[in-house]
Amino acid sequence: VDFLVQPGEPVYAPISGRMRFARPYRDDTYYEGISIQGEQYEVKIFYLNTWLAPGLKRDVKAGDEIGKAQAISQKYGPAMKDHIHVDVLIDQKNIDPTNFFL
């Protein structure tokens, strides 16, 4: 699911768990993301600058600021609205996150 954002807007952890650095694109190191492994779910969030360096992990609580939204429109052009992309997984399988955020 995508959430419209303004570049530089704070992004908050939707769940508590162990956060690690992730990249949405192998060939583009500008764009960043994170993965949070919680007790029930794993949540991946892309297109945010985070202070967590690759290879490091950190515990976060739901509601902690985890980064600042990036301008994904710079990669795809003005037709692309700036957004963060969020995946929710159970047992490494994507689930429909619609009800997760209601």
C-alpha atoms as a PDB file:
ATOM      1  CA  VAL A   1       0.000   0.000   0.000  1.00  0.00           C
ATOM      2  CA  ASP A   2       1.219   3.540  -0.683  1.00  0.00           C
ATOM      3  CA  PHE A   3       0.743   6.601   1.517  1.00  0.00           C
ATOM      4  CA  LEU A   4       1.106  10.067   0.035  1.00  0.00           C
ATOM      5  CA  VAL A   5       3.769  12.149   1.810  1.00  0.00           C
ATOM      6  CA  GLN A   6       5.690  15.369   1.531  1.00  0.00           C
ATOM      7  CA  PRO A   7       9.459  14.873   1.144  1.00  0.00           C
ATOM      8  CA  GLY A   8      11.115  15.366   4.529  1.00  0.00           C
ATOM      9  CA  GLU A   9       7.940  14.453   6.428  1.00  0.00           C
ATOM     10  CA  PRO A  10       8.616  12.206   9.464  1.00  0.00           C
ATOM     11  CA  VAL A  11       7.779   8.507   9.101  1.00  0.00           C
ATOM     12  CA  TYR A  12       6.813   6.503  12.190  1.00  0.00           C
ATOM     13  CA  ALA A  13       7.061   2.802  13.019  1.00  0.00           C
ATOM     14  CA  PRO A  14       3.642   1.143  12.669  1.00  0.00           C
ATOM     15  CA  ILE A  15       4.698  -1.776  14.902  1.00  0.00           C
ATOM     16  CA  SER A  16       7.275  -2.539  17.587  1.00  0.00           C
ATOM     17  CA  GLY A  17      10.145  -4.839  16.717  1.00  0.00           C
ATOM     18  CA  ARG A  18      13.694  -5.136  15.411  1.00  0.00           C
ATOM     19  CA  MET A  19      14.411  -2.639  12.622  1.00  0.00           C
ATOM     20  CA  ARG A  20      17.027  -3.196   9.935  1.00  0.00           C
ATOM     21  CA  PHE A  21      18.131  -1.208   6.892  1.00  0.00           C
ATOM     22  CA  ALA A  22      16.777  -2.223   3.470  1.00  0.00           C
ATOM     23  CA  ARG A  23      17.019  -0.967  -0.110  1.00  0.00           C
ATOM     24  CA  PRO A  24      14.114  -0.928  -2.581  1.00  0.00           C
ATOM     25  CA  TYR A  25      16.462  -0.964  -5.613  1.00  0.00           C
ATOM     26  CA  ARG A  26      19.707  -2.894  -6.031  1.00  0.00           C
ATOM     27  CA  ASP A  27      21.043  -0.510  -8.669  1.00  0.00           C
ATOM     28  CA  ASP A  28      20.099   2.767  -6.943  1.00  0.00           C
ATOM     29  CA  THR A  29      21.654   3.424  -3.544  1.00  0.00           C
ATOM     30  CA  TYR A  30      19.971   6.808  -3.107  1.00  0.00           C
ATOM     31  CA  TYR A  31      16.615   5.360  -2.068  1.00  0.00           C
ATOM     32  CA  GLU A  32      16.398   3.688   1.318  1.00  0.00           C
ATOM     33  CA  GLY A  33      13.986   1.693   3.391  1.00  0.00           C
ATOM     34  CA  ILE A  34      13.625  -0.355   6.531  1.00  0.00           C
ATOM     35  CA  SER A  35      12.194  -3.648   7.655  1.00  0.00           C
ATOM     36  CA  ILE A  36      10.688  -4.110  11.115  1.00  0.00           C
ATOM     37  CA  GLN A  37      10.347  -7.669  12.370  1.00  0.00           C
ATOM     38  CA  GLY A  38       7.632  -7.771  15.015  1.00  0.00           C
ATOM     39  CA  GLU A  39       6.155 -10.663  16.964  1.00  0.00           C
ATOM     40  CA  GLN A  40       3.402 -11.348  14.411  1.00  0.00           C
ATOM     41  CA  TYR A  41       4.252  -9.272  11.362  1.00  0.00           C
ATOM     42  CA  GLU A  42       7.129  -7.959   9.327  1.00  0.00           C
ATOM     43  CA  VAL A  43       6.628  -4.478   7.891  1.00  0.00           C
ATOM     44  CA  LYS A  44       8.767  -3.079   5.085  1.00  0.00           C
ATOM     45  CA  ILE A  45       8.718   0.656   4.360  1.00  0.00           C
ATOM     46  CA  PHE A  46      10.481   2.157   1.357  1.00  0.00           C
ATOM     47  CA  TYR A  47      11.429   5.643   0.191  1.00  0.00           C
ATOM     48  CA  LEU A  48      12.578   7.119   3.486  1.00  0.00           C
ATOM     49  CA  ASN A  49      15.930   8.359   4.721  1.00  0.00           C
ATOM     50  CA  THR A  50      16.798   6.525   7.889  1.00  0.00           C
ATOM     51  CA  TRP A  51      19.686   7.005  10.272  1.00  0.00           C
ATOM     52  CA  LEU A  52      20.200   3.248  10.520  1.00  0.00           C
ATOM     53  CA  ALA A  53      23.281   2.156   8.575  1.00  0.00           C
ATOM     54  CA  PRO A  54      23.323  -0.989   6.421  1.00  0.00           C
ATOM     55  CA  GLY A  55      24.068  -4.091   8.473  1.00  0.00           C
ATOM     56  CA  LEU A  56      22.891  -2.588  11.755  1.00  0.00           C
ATOM     57  CA  LYS A  57      19.723  -3.418  13.666  1.00  0.00           C
ATOM     58  CA  ARG A  58      17.827  -1.488  16.317  1.00  0.00           C
ATOM     59  CA  ASP A  59      14.766  -2.118  18.457  1.00  0.00           C
ATOM     60  CA  VAL A  60      11.913   0.347  17.864  1.00  0.00           C
ATOM     61  CA  LYS A  61       8.505   0.835  19.408  1.00  0.00           C
ATOM     62  CA  ALA A  62       5.315   1.586  17.485  1.00  0.00           C
ATOM     63  CA  GLY A  63       5.143   5.351  17.058  1.00  0.00           C
ATOM     64  CA  ASP A  64       8.930   5.960  17.079  1.00  0.00           C
ATOM     65  CA  GLU A  65      10.175   8.180  14.271  1.00  0.00           C
ATOM     66  CA  ILE A  66      12.190   5.952  11.940  1.00  0.00           C
ATOM     67  CA  GLY A  67      13.106   8.365   9.159  1.00  0.00           C
ATOM     68  CA  LYS A  68      12.070  11.117   6.758  1.00  0.00           C
ATOM     69  CA  ALA A  69      10.143  10.596   3.520  1.00  0.00           C
ATOM     70  CA  GLN A  70      12.131  10.788   0.301  1.00  0.00           C
ATOM     71  CA  ALA A  71      11.017  12.363  -2.998  1.00  0.00           C
ATOM     72  CA  ILE A  72      10.338   9.295  -5.153  1.00  0.00           C
ATOM     73  CA  SER A  73       9.030  11.658  -7.856  1.00  0.00           C
ATOM     74  CA  GLN A  74      12.668  12.563  -8.545  1.00  0.00           C
ATOM     75  CA  LYS A  75      13.207   9.021  -9.837  1.00  0.00           C
ATOM     76  CA  TYR A  76      10.014   8.632 -11.863  1.00  0.00           C
ATOM     77  CA  GLY A  77       9.067  12.184 -12.809  1.00  0.00           C
ATOM     78  CA  PRO A  78       6.277  14.570 -11.824  1.00  0.00           C
ATOM     79  CA  ALA A  79       3.471  12.153 -12.732  1.00  0.00           C
ATOM     80  CA  MET A  80       4.562  10.017  -9.750  1.00  0.00           C
ATOM     81  CA  LYS A  81       3.183  11.353  -6.473  1.00  0.00           C
ATOM     82  CA  ASP A  82       5.614  11.336  -3.549  1.00  0.00           C
ATOM     83  CA  HIS A  83       4.756   8.417  -1.289  1.00  0.00           C
ATOM     84  CA  ILE A  84       6.105   5.782   1.024  1.00  0.00           C
ATOM     85  CA  HIS A  85       5.448   2.165   0.112  1.00  0.00           C
ATOM     86  CA  VAL A  86       4.482  -0.262   2.889  1.00  0.00           C
ATOM     87  CA  ASP A  87       4.420  -4.075   2.722  1.00  0.00           C
ATOM     88  CA  VAL A  88       3.037  -6.233   5.524  1.00  0.00           C
ATOM     89  CA  LEU A  89       4.152  -9.856   5.698  1.00  0.00           C
ATOM     90  CA  ILE A  90       3.360 -12.943   7.755  1.00  0.00           C
ATOM     91  CA  ASP A  91       5.813 -15.839   7.449  1.00  0.00           C
ATOM     92  CA  GLN A  92       7.585 -13.969   4.622  1.00  0.00           C
ATOM     93  CA  LYS A  93       4.374 -13.792   2.553  1.00  0.00           C
ATOM     94  CA  ASN A  94       2.750 -10.493   1.624  1.00  0.00           C
ATOM     95  CA  ILE A  95      -0.714  -9.979   3.036  1.00  0.00           C
ATOM     96  CA  ASP A  96      -3.312  -7.383   2.097  1.00  0.00           C
ATOM     97  CA  PRO A  97      -2.400  -4.511   4.429  1.00  0.00           C
ATOM     98  CA  THR A  98      -5.677  -2.634   3.967  1.00  0.00           C
ATOM     99  CA  ASN A  99      -7.226  -3.745   7.265  1.00  0.00           C
ATOM    100  CA  PHE A 100      -3.886  -3.465   9.044  1.00  0.00           C
ATOM    101  CA  PHE A 101      -3.992   0.344   8.814  1.00  0.00           C
ATOM    102  CA  LEU A 102      -7.716   0.959   9.457  1.00  0.00           C
END
